[in-house]
N, C-alpha and C. Protein backbone atom coordinates (compact mmCIF):
# COMPACT_ATOMS: atom_id res chain seq x y z
N MET A 1 0.64 -22.37 -9.13
CA MET A 1 2.03 -22.26 -9.64
C MET A 1 2.68 -21.13 -8.67
N VAL A 2 3.91 -21.51 -8.33
CA VAL A 2 4.71 -20.58 -7.36
C VAL A 2 5.84 -19.95 -8.26
N GLU A 3 5.79 -18.62 -8.37
CA GLU A 3 6.65 -17.87 -9.05
C GLU A 3 7.82 -17.49 -8.26
N LYS A 4 9.10 -17.49 -8.82
CA LYS A 4 10.31 -16.91 -8.12
C LYS A 4 10.20 -15.42 -7.95
N GLN A 5 10.58 -15.19 -6.75
CA GLN A 5 10.58 -13.67 -6.39
C GLN A 5 11.96 -13.08 -6.71
N SER A 6 11.89 -11.92 -7.21
CA SER A 6 13.29 -11.24 -7.52
C SER A 6 13.75 -10.80 -6.20
N LYS A 7 15.08 -10.51 -6.16
CA LYS A 7 15.76 -9.92 -4.94
C LYS A 7 15.03 -8.63 -4.54
N LEU A 8 14.68 -7.79 -5.48
CA LEU A 8 14.06 -6.59 -5.15
C LEU A 8 12.60 -6.81 -4.47
N GLU A 9 11.90 -7.79 -5.02
CA GLU A 9 10.67 -8.06 -4.34
C GLU A 9 10.84 -8.65 -3.00
N GLU A 10 11.78 -9.53 -2.78
CA GLU A 10 12.04 -10.10 -1.47
C GLU A 10 12.43 -9.00 -0.44
N LYS A 11 13.20 -7.94 -1.05
CA LYS A 11 13.49 -6.95 -0.20
C LYS A 11 12.41 -6.04 0.21
N ALA A 12 11.58 -5.76 -0.68
CA ALA A 12 10.25 -5.00 -0.49
C ALA A 12 9.40 -5.65 0.60
N ARG A 13 9.18 -6.93 0.32
CA ARG A 13 8.26 -7.68 1.21
C ARG A 13 8.97 -7.78 2.71
N SER A 14 10.18 -7.99 2.82
CA SER A 14 10.82 -8.12 4.10
C SER A 14 10.84 -6.81 4.82
N TRP A 15 11.08 -5.69 4.05
CA TRP A 15 10.94 -4.34 4.75
C TRP A 15 9.63 -4.13 5.14
N MET A 16 8.58 -4.38 4.50
CA MET A 16 7.15 -4.24 5.05
C MET A 16 7.01 -5.02 6.24
N ILE A 17 7.38 -6.25 6.31
CA ILE A 17 7.23 -6.93 7.44
C ILE A 17 7.98 -6.42 8.61
N GLU A 18 9.16 -5.95 8.41
CA GLU A 18 9.95 -5.37 9.40
C GLU A 18 9.25 -4.08 10.11
N ARG A 19 8.48 -3.49 9.15
CA ARG A 19 7.77 -2.24 9.55
C ARG A 19 6.44 -2.56 10.11
N GLY A 20 6.01 -3.90 10.22
CA GLY A 20 4.79 -4.27 10.84
C GLY A 20 3.59 -4.56 9.98
N VAL A 21 3.94 -4.67 8.67
CA VAL A 21 2.85 -4.82 7.72
C VAL A 21 2.95 -6.20 7.05
N THR A 22 1.93 -7.14 7.27
CA THR A 22 1.82 -8.34 6.48
C THR A 22 0.97 -8.33 5.32
N ILE A 23 1.18 -9.37 4.51
CA ILE A 23 0.32 -9.50 3.29
C ILE A 23 -1.13 -9.68 3.67
N ASP A 24 -1.40 -10.44 4.83
CA ASP A 24 -2.76 -10.59 5.31
C ASP A 24 -3.33 -9.17 5.75
N ASP A 25 -2.54 -8.35 6.26
CA ASP A 25 -3.05 -6.94 6.59
C ASP A 25 -3.63 -6.29 5.27
N ILE A 26 -2.80 -6.33 4.37
CA ILE A 26 -3.23 -5.69 3.13
C ILE A 26 -4.39 -6.52 2.47
N ALA A 27 -4.33 -7.80 2.60
CA ALA A 27 -5.47 -8.60 1.99
C ALA A 27 -6.81 -8.22 2.73
N ASP A 28 -6.75 -7.96 4.04
CA ASP A 28 -7.86 -7.56 4.75
C ASP A 28 -8.38 -6.27 4.19
N LEU A 29 -7.61 -5.28 3.78
CA LEU A 29 -8.00 -4.05 3.19
C LEU A 29 -8.74 -4.26 1.97
N VAL A 30 -8.09 -5.15 1.06
CA VAL A 30 -8.83 -5.54 -0.18
C VAL A 30 -10.20 -6.06 0.03
N LEU A 31 -10.31 -7.00 0.98
CA LEU A 31 -11.67 -7.47 1.38
C LEU A 31 -12.56 -6.44 1.87
N PHE A 32 -12.11 -5.46 2.64
CA PHE A 32 -12.97 -4.35 3.01
C PHE A 32 -13.36 -3.51 1.85
N LEU A 33 -12.59 -3.28 0.81
CA LEU A 33 -12.92 -2.52 -0.34
C LEU A 33 -13.90 -3.25 -1.34
N GLN A 34 -13.82 -4.64 -1.40
CA GLN A 34 -14.53 -5.42 -2.44
C GLN A 34 -15.71 -6.20 -1.90
N LYS A 35 -15.77 -6.48 -0.57
CA LYS A 35 -16.80 -7.45 -0.15
C LYS A 35 -18.27 -7.03 -0.53
N LYS A 36 -18.45 -5.76 -0.42
CA LYS A 36 -19.86 -5.24 -0.79
C LYS A 36 -20.17 -5.68 -2.21
N TYR A 37 -19.27 -5.69 -3.13
CA TYR A 37 -19.50 -5.96 -4.60
C TYR A 37 -19.33 -7.46 -4.80
N HIS A 38 -18.69 -8.21 -3.98
CA HIS A 38 -18.50 -9.61 -4.18
C HIS A 38 -18.71 -10.34 -2.88
N PRO A 39 -20.00 -10.54 -2.39
CA PRO A 39 -20.13 -11.01 -1.17
C PRO A 39 -19.55 -12.43 -0.71
N THR A 40 -19.28 -13.24 -1.87
CA THR A 40 -18.60 -14.56 -1.44
C THR A 40 -17.05 -14.37 -1.50
N LEU A 41 -16.48 -13.28 -1.74
CA LEU A 41 -15.05 -13.13 -1.81
C LEU A 41 -14.39 -13.65 -0.48
N ASP A 42 -13.34 -14.26 -0.67
CA ASP A 42 -12.46 -14.81 0.53
C ASP A 42 -11.18 -14.18 0.57
N ILE A 43 -10.50 -14.31 1.70
CA ILE A 43 -9.22 -13.78 1.99
C ILE A 43 -8.13 -14.32 1.06
N ALA A 44 -8.31 -15.56 0.69
CA ALA A 44 -7.17 -16.16 -0.26
C ALA A 44 -7.13 -15.41 -1.59
N ILE A 45 -8.33 -15.05 -2.14
CA ILE A 45 -8.37 -14.41 -3.40
C ILE A 45 -7.87 -12.97 -3.24
N CYS A 46 -8.05 -12.30 -2.17
CA CYS A 46 -7.41 -11.01 -1.83
C CYS A 46 -6.02 -11.11 -1.75
N ARG A 47 -5.48 -12.02 -1.07
CA ARG A 47 -4.11 -12.34 -0.78
C ARG A 47 -3.36 -12.51 -2.17
N ASP A 48 -3.96 -13.35 -3.11
CA ASP A 48 -3.47 -13.61 -4.41
C ASP A 48 -3.24 -12.26 -5.19
N ASN A 49 -4.30 -11.39 -5.11
CA ASN A 49 -4.36 -10.24 -5.86
C ASN A 49 -3.19 -9.30 -5.30
N VAL A 50 -2.95 -9.27 -3.91
CA VAL A 50 -1.89 -8.39 -3.31
C VAL A 50 -0.56 -8.97 -3.88
N ASP A 51 -0.39 -10.29 -3.92
CA ASP A 51 0.81 -10.87 -4.39
C ASP A 51 1.17 -10.48 -5.80
N HIS A 52 0.19 -10.49 -6.64
CA HIS A 52 0.28 -10.01 -8.00
C HIS A 52 0.81 -8.51 -8.11
N VAL A 53 0.16 -7.62 -7.30
CA VAL A 53 0.42 -6.23 -7.17
C VAL A 53 2.03 -6.14 -6.85
N LEU A 54 2.46 -6.93 -5.82
CA LEU A 54 3.80 -6.81 -5.24
C LEU A 54 4.93 -7.31 -6.21
N ARG A 55 4.40 -8.04 -7.19
CA ARG A 55 5.39 -8.57 -8.24
C ARG A 55 5.80 -7.42 -9.26
N LYS A 56 5.12 -6.24 -9.20
CA LYS A 56 5.41 -5.21 -10.12
C LYS A 56 6.57 -4.52 -9.58
N ARG A 57 7.59 -4.24 -10.56
CA ARG A 57 8.84 -3.53 -10.16
C ARG A 57 8.57 -2.08 -9.60
N GLU A 58 7.62 -1.37 -10.31
CA GLU A 58 7.32 -0.06 -9.85
C GLU A 58 6.71 -0.05 -8.36
N VAL A 59 6.13 -1.03 -8.08
CA VAL A 59 5.55 -1.08 -6.73
C VAL A 59 6.70 -1.29 -5.76
N GLN A 60 7.56 -2.29 -6.10
CA GLN A 60 8.64 -2.57 -5.23
C GLN A 60 9.60 -1.28 -5.07
N ASN A 61 9.72 -0.66 -6.10
CA ASN A 61 10.59 0.61 -5.96
C ASN A 61 9.85 1.65 -5.04
N ALA A 62 8.64 1.91 -5.09
CA ALA A 62 7.87 2.68 -4.49
C ALA A 62 8.05 2.31 -2.85
N ILE A 63 7.90 0.99 -2.55
CA ILE A 63 7.84 0.50 -1.25
C ILE A 63 9.26 0.75 -0.68
N LEU A 64 10.31 0.45 -1.38
CA LEU A 64 11.68 0.71 -0.78
C LEU A 64 12.03 2.23 -0.62
N THR A 65 11.56 3.01 -1.54
CA THR A 65 11.74 4.40 -1.50
C THR A 65 11.09 5.03 -0.36
N GLY A 66 9.78 4.68 -0.17
CA GLY A 66 8.95 5.27 0.95
C GLY A 66 9.50 4.82 2.32
N ILE A 67 9.70 3.49 2.46
CA ILE A 67 10.21 3.05 3.82
C ILE A 67 11.52 3.58 4.07
N GLN A 68 12.41 3.70 3.16
CA GLN A 68 13.75 4.36 3.51
C GLN A 68 13.51 5.78 3.96
N LEU A 69 12.67 6.61 3.36
CA LEU A 69 12.53 7.94 3.81
C LEU A 69 11.92 7.93 5.22
N ASP A 70 10.87 7.11 5.47
CA ASP A 70 10.30 6.96 6.84
C ASP A 70 11.44 6.63 7.92
N VAL A 71 12.22 5.67 7.52
CA VAL A 71 13.31 5.23 8.45
C VAL A 71 14.29 6.39 8.72
N MET A 72 14.67 6.97 7.54
CA MET A 72 15.58 8.20 7.75
C MET A 72 15.01 9.23 8.74
N ALA A 73 13.69 9.53 8.44
CA ALA A 73 13.08 10.48 9.34
C ALA A 73 12.97 10.05 10.83
N GLU A 74 12.70 8.85 11.08
CA GLU A 74 12.82 8.20 12.46
C GLU A 74 14.12 8.45 13.07
N GLN A 75 15.17 8.40 12.23
CA GLN A 75 16.58 8.41 12.79
C GLN A 75 17.12 9.83 12.79
N GLY A 76 16.18 10.81 12.33
CA GLY A 76 16.77 12.12 12.34
C GLY A 76 17.72 12.49 11.23
N GLU A 77 17.73 11.67 10.11
CA GLU A 77 18.83 11.73 9.13
C GLU A 77 18.45 12.60 7.89
N LEU A 78 17.30 13.18 7.85
CA LEU A 78 16.94 14.01 6.85
C LEU A 78 17.35 15.59 7.22
N VAL A 79 17.56 16.32 6.10
CA VAL A 79 18.01 17.82 6.41
C VAL A 79 16.58 18.47 6.63
N GLN A 80 16.66 19.59 7.37
CA GLN A 80 15.51 20.43 7.54
C GLN A 80 15.16 21.27 6.34
N PRO A 81 14.02 21.62 6.06
CA PRO A 81 12.85 21.33 6.85
C PRO A 81 12.16 20.02 6.47
N LEU A 82 12.75 19.21 5.52
CA LEU A 82 12.23 17.96 5.24
C LEU A 82 12.07 17.06 6.35
N GLN A 83 13.04 16.99 7.25
CA GLN A 83 12.93 16.11 8.33
C GLN A 83 11.76 16.36 9.28
N ASN A 84 11.40 17.48 9.60
CA ASN A 84 10.17 17.82 10.34
C ASN A 84 8.92 17.54 9.63
N ILE A 85 8.91 17.84 8.13
CA ILE A 85 7.71 17.58 7.49
C ILE A 85 7.36 16.18 7.38
N ILE A 86 8.37 15.28 7.27
CA ILE A 86 8.07 13.82 7.05
C ILE A 86 7.84 13.23 8.44
N PHE A 87 8.67 13.69 9.51
CA PHE A 87 8.50 13.12 10.84
C PHE A 87 7.09 13.45 11.37
N GLU A 88 6.62 14.65 11.03
CA GLU A 88 5.28 14.96 11.61
C GLU A 88 4.19 14.67 10.70
N ASP A 89 4.46 14.20 9.47
CA ASP A 89 3.46 13.80 8.47
C ASP A 89 2.52 15.06 8.13
N GLU A 90 3.20 16.14 7.87
CA GLU A 90 2.69 17.32 7.61
C GLU A 90 1.48 17.19 6.52
N GLY A 91 0.26 17.66 6.80
CA GLY A 91 -0.87 17.45 5.96
C GLY A 91 -0.74 18.08 4.61
N LEU A 92 0.03 19.13 4.41
CA LEU A 92 0.10 19.75 3.03
C LEU A 92 1.34 19.24 2.22
N TYR A 93 1.96 18.26 2.73
CA TYR A 93 3.31 17.75 2.13
C TYR A 93 2.81 17.04 0.75
N GLY A 94 2.09 16.05 0.75
CA GLY A 94 1.45 15.42 -0.51
C GLY A 94 2.47 14.54 -1.39
N VAL A 95 3.73 14.72 -1.03
CA VAL A 95 4.64 13.74 -1.84
C VAL A 95 4.52 12.22 -1.54
N ASP A 96 4.07 11.99 -0.36
CA ASP A 96 3.82 10.56 0.12
C ASP A 96 2.58 10.02 -0.76
N GLU A 97 1.54 10.78 -1.01
CA GLU A 97 0.43 10.37 -1.80
C GLU A 97 0.79 10.30 -3.26
N ILE A 98 1.63 11.29 -3.67
CA ILE A 98 2.12 11.11 -5.14
C ILE A 98 2.80 9.85 -5.28
N LEU A 99 3.69 9.50 -4.39
CA LEU A 99 4.48 8.07 -4.60
C LEU A 99 3.43 7.10 -4.60
N ALA A 100 2.42 7.07 -3.66
CA ALA A 100 1.44 6.11 -3.62
C ALA A 100 0.59 5.88 -4.99
N LEU A 101 0.42 7.07 -5.58
CA LEU A 101 -0.39 7.11 -6.80
C LEU A 101 0.35 6.38 -7.96
N SER A 102 1.68 6.23 -7.85
CA SER A 102 2.30 5.47 -8.91
C SER A 102 2.00 3.95 -8.88
N ILE A 103 1.65 3.61 -7.63
CA ILE A 103 1.12 2.23 -7.31
C ILE A 103 -0.25 2.01 -7.88
N VAL A 104 -1.09 2.95 -7.50
CA VAL A 104 -2.57 3.00 -7.80
C VAL A 104 -2.75 2.91 -9.32
N ASN A 105 -2.04 3.54 -10.08
CA ASN A 105 -2.14 3.65 -11.53
C ASN A 105 -1.92 2.39 -12.22
N VAL A 106 -1.34 1.42 -11.63
CA VAL A 106 -0.88 0.23 -12.27
C VAL A 106 -2.19 -0.54 -12.86
N TYR A 107 -3.23 -0.51 -12.27
CA TYR A 107 -4.39 -1.34 -12.60
C TYR A 107 -5.70 -0.40 -13.04
N GLY A 108 -5.35 0.84 -13.49
CA GLY A 108 -6.39 1.54 -14.07
C GLY A 108 -7.04 2.64 -13.14
N SER A 109 -8.09 3.27 -13.54
CA SER A 109 -8.70 4.52 -12.99
C SER A 109 -9.42 4.04 -11.71
N ILE A 110 -10.03 2.83 -11.60
CA ILE A 110 -10.81 2.54 -10.42
C ILE A 110 -9.91 2.43 -9.23
N GLY A 111 -8.54 2.33 -9.46
CA GLY A 111 -7.62 2.38 -8.27
C GLY A 111 -7.67 3.65 -7.61
N PHE A 112 -7.79 4.77 -8.36
CA PHE A 112 -7.83 6.10 -7.71
C PHE A 112 -9.03 6.28 -6.74
N THR A 113 -10.13 5.79 -7.27
CA THR A 113 -11.31 5.82 -6.29
C THR A 113 -11.08 5.00 -5.04
N ASN A 114 -10.68 3.77 -5.28
CA ASN A 114 -10.35 2.90 -4.13
C ASN A 114 -9.38 3.48 -3.16
N TYR A 115 -8.39 4.08 -3.76
CA TYR A 115 -7.26 4.76 -2.92
C TYR A 115 -7.80 5.91 -2.22
N GLY A 116 -8.52 6.71 -2.84
CA GLY A 116 -9.13 8.00 -2.11
C GLY A 116 -10.03 7.58 -1.01
N TYR A 117 -10.74 6.56 -1.19
CA TYR A 117 -11.66 6.05 -0.15
C TYR A 117 -10.98 5.49 1.04
N ILE A 118 -10.04 4.55 0.73
CA ILE A 118 -9.38 3.86 1.85
C ILE A 118 -8.43 4.80 2.58
N ASP A 119 -7.84 5.88 1.89
CA ASP A 119 -7.05 6.76 2.55
C ASP A 119 -7.87 7.75 3.50
N LYS A 120 -9.10 7.87 3.20
CA LYS A 120 -9.95 8.80 4.01
C LYS A 120 -10.35 8.00 5.22
N VAL A 121 -10.86 6.70 5.07
CA VAL A 121 -11.40 6.02 6.13
C VAL A 121 -10.34 5.29 7.05
N LYS A 122 -9.26 4.92 6.45
CA LYS A 122 -8.19 4.35 7.12
C LYS A 122 -8.54 3.14 8.05
N PRO A 123 -9.09 2.01 7.46
CA PRO A 123 -9.36 1.00 8.15
C PRO A 123 -8.18 -0.07 8.48
N GLY A 124 -8.33 -0.88 9.48
CA GLY A 124 -7.41 -1.96 9.65
C GLY A 124 -6.02 -1.41 9.96
N ILE A 125 -4.97 -1.98 9.35
CA ILE A 125 -3.66 -1.60 9.44
C ILE A 125 -3.32 -0.12 9.14
N LEU A 126 -4.11 0.49 8.43
CA LEU A 126 -3.91 1.93 8.01
C LEU A 126 -4.16 2.83 9.39
N ALA A 127 -5.04 2.36 10.08
CA ALA A 127 -5.19 3.21 11.32
C ALA A 127 -4.06 3.11 12.28
N LYS A 128 -3.47 1.91 12.36
CA LYS A 128 -2.33 1.73 13.18
C LYS A 128 -1.13 2.52 12.60
N LEU A 129 -0.88 2.37 11.33
CA LEU A 129 0.22 3.06 10.62
C LEU A 129 0.16 4.60 10.80
N ASN A 130 -1.12 5.05 10.87
CA ASN A 130 -1.35 6.60 10.87
C ASN A 130 -1.34 7.12 12.26
N GLU A 131 -1.06 6.36 13.30
CA GLU A 131 -0.99 6.90 14.57
C GLU A 131 0.37 7.67 14.63
N HIS A 132 0.42 8.77 15.12
CA HIS A 132 1.63 9.55 15.43
C HIS A 132 2.06 9.51 16.81
N ASP A 133 3.09 8.64 17.06
CA ASP A 133 3.43 8.43 18.48
C ASP A 133 4.68 9.13 18.83
N GLY A 134 5.27 9.90 17.90
CA GLY A 134 6.41 10.57 18.17
C GLY A 134 7.70 9.79 18.12
N LYS A 135 7.58 8.46 17.74
CA LYS A 135 8.66 7.62 17.64
C LYS A 135 8.75 6.97 16.29
N ASN A 136 7.68 6.20 15.90
CA ASN A 136 7.60 5.52 14.63
C ASN A 136 7.04 6.41 13.65
N VAL A 137 7.68 6.43 12.36
CA VAL A 137 7.25 7.36 11.24
C VAL A 137 6.80 6.42 10.09
N HIS A 138 5.56 6.62 9.74
CA HIS A 138 4.99 5.82 8.50
C HIS A 138 4.39 6.84 7.59
N THR A 139 4.96 7.94 7.38
CA THR A 139 4.38 8.95 6.54
C THR A 139 4.14 8.42 5.12
N PHE A 140 5.07 7.64 4.66
CA PHE A 140 5.03 6.98 3.34
C PHE A 140 4.30 5.72 3.34
N LEU A 141 4.64 4.89 4.42
CA LEU A 141 4.18 3.49 4.36
C LEU A 141 2.68 3.38 4.40
N ASP A 142 1.96 4.28 5.18
CA ASP A 142 0.45 4.15 5.32
C ASP A 142 -0.10 4.35 3.93
N ASP A 143 0.40 5.37 3.16
CA ASP A 143 -0.14 5.57 1.77
C ASP A 143 0.24 4.52 0.73
N ILE A 144 1.34 3.88 0.94
CA ILE A 144 1.85 2.76 0.12
C ILE A 144 0.91 1.64 0.38
N VAL A 145 0.77 1.29 1.60
CA VAL A 145 -0.06 0.13 1.99
C VAL A 145 -1.48 0.25 1.37
N GLY A 146 -2.08 1.49 1.57
CA GLY A 146 -3.35 1.85 1.02
C GLY A 146 -3.37 1.70 -0.47
N ALA A 147 -2.32 2.17 -1.07
CA ALA A 147 -2.25 2.09 -2.56
C ALA A 147 -2.12 0.59 -3.17
N ILE A 148 -1.39 -0.18 -2.34
CA ILE A 148 -1.22 -1.59 -2.81
C ILE A 148 -2.63 -2.34 -2.65
N ALA A 149 -3.27 -2.02 -1.58
CA ALA A 149 -4.68 -2.55 -1.36
C ALA A 149 -5.69 -2.06 -2.48
N ALA A 150 -5.51 -0.74 -2.81
CA ALA A 150 -6.37 -0.24 -3.89
C ALA A 150 -6.07 -0.86 -5.23
N ALA A 151 -4.84 -1.04 -5.45
CA ALA A 151 -4.49 -1.57 -6.88
C ALA A 151 -4.88 -3.08 -6.76
N ALA A 152 -4.74 -3.83 -5.65
CA ALA A 152 -5.22 -5.16 -5.62
C ALA A 152 -6.74 -5.31 -5.82
N ALA A 153 -7.33 -4.43 -5.23
CA ALA A 153 -8.88 -4.37 -5.19
C ALA A 153 -9.28 -4.07 -6.71
N SER A 154 -8.56 -3.24 -7.35
CA SER A 154 -8.76 -2.88 -8.81
C SER A 154 -8.53 -4.04 -9.67
N ARG A 155 -7.44 -4.71 -9.45
CA ARG A 155 -7.12 -5.91 -10.19
C ARG A 155 -8.23 -6.97 -10.08
N LEU A 156 -8.65 -7.10 -8.78
CA LEU A 156 -9.66 -8.15 -8.60
C LEU A 156 -10.99 -7.79 -9.20
N ALA A 157 -11.35 -6.49 -9.14
CA ALA A 157 -12.53 -5.97 -9.94
C ALA A 157 -12.45 -6.24 -11.29
N HIS A 158 -11.27 -5.94 -12.02
CA HIS A 158 -11.17 -6.27 -13.44
C HIS A 158 -11.30 -7.68 -13.67
N SER A 159 -10.80 -8.61 -12.87
CA SER A 159 -10.85 -10.03 -13.11
C SER A 159 -12.26 -10.55 -12.99
N TYR A 160 -13.07 -9.90 -11.99
CA TYR A 160 -14.53 -10.33 -12.00
C TYR A 160 -15.21 -9.87 -13.20
N HIS A 161 -14.72 -8.60 -13.71
CA HIS A 161 -15.51 -8.16 -15.00
C HIS A 161 -15.18 -9.10 -16.09
N GLU A 162 -13.91 -9.49 -16.21
CA GLU A 162 -13.61 -10.46 -17.35
C GLU A 162 -14.42 -11.68 -17.20
N ASP A 163 -14.63 -12.19 -16.03
CA ASP A 163 -15.58 -13.47 -15.90
C ASP A 163 -16.88 -13.21 -16.32
N ILE A 164 -17.49 -12.02 -16.02
CA ILE A 164 -18.75 -11.62 -16.41
C ILE A 164 -18.89 -11.56 -17.85
N VAL A 165 -18.00 -10.93 -18.63
CA VAL A 165 -18.03 -10.58 -20.08
C VAL A 165 -17.94 -11.87 -20.70
N GLN A 166 -17.14 -12.85 -20.27
CA GLN A 166 -16.83 -14.03 -21.09
C GLN A 166 -17.99 -15.08 -20.71
């Protein structure tokens, strides 16, 4: 069944693509998080769970807010000291993680564990987004992408649990 995307969802998805992040990039992260627990898991199931997460309005709002702040920092449009804090991805800032936690919370407490782990090891697209090249700013986007993957992995874990219980 194909569901119609809202304009907000379309915008959030297109902004992620413009910033170099695809649904498959995020699905790869879900696979990374869940393959150990579900050895037969395939990328299509991971992609489906990412799509479900992206349908949530609070996720779309977090994506648009975070990307807008990253872009403004790239263009030097924030006031000091916020401009330098976001441009440099200052370690003690933490607001980027707080925004990401709003996404993680959508599918329960397992998402916090998934997010903490993936934020620490930074596999796949997260490593690329976390490069600080002095030009591209992904202070918010790397955490948002990790949070979407963590939430999708949590959703997937809950769905496997429901299959086991029934």
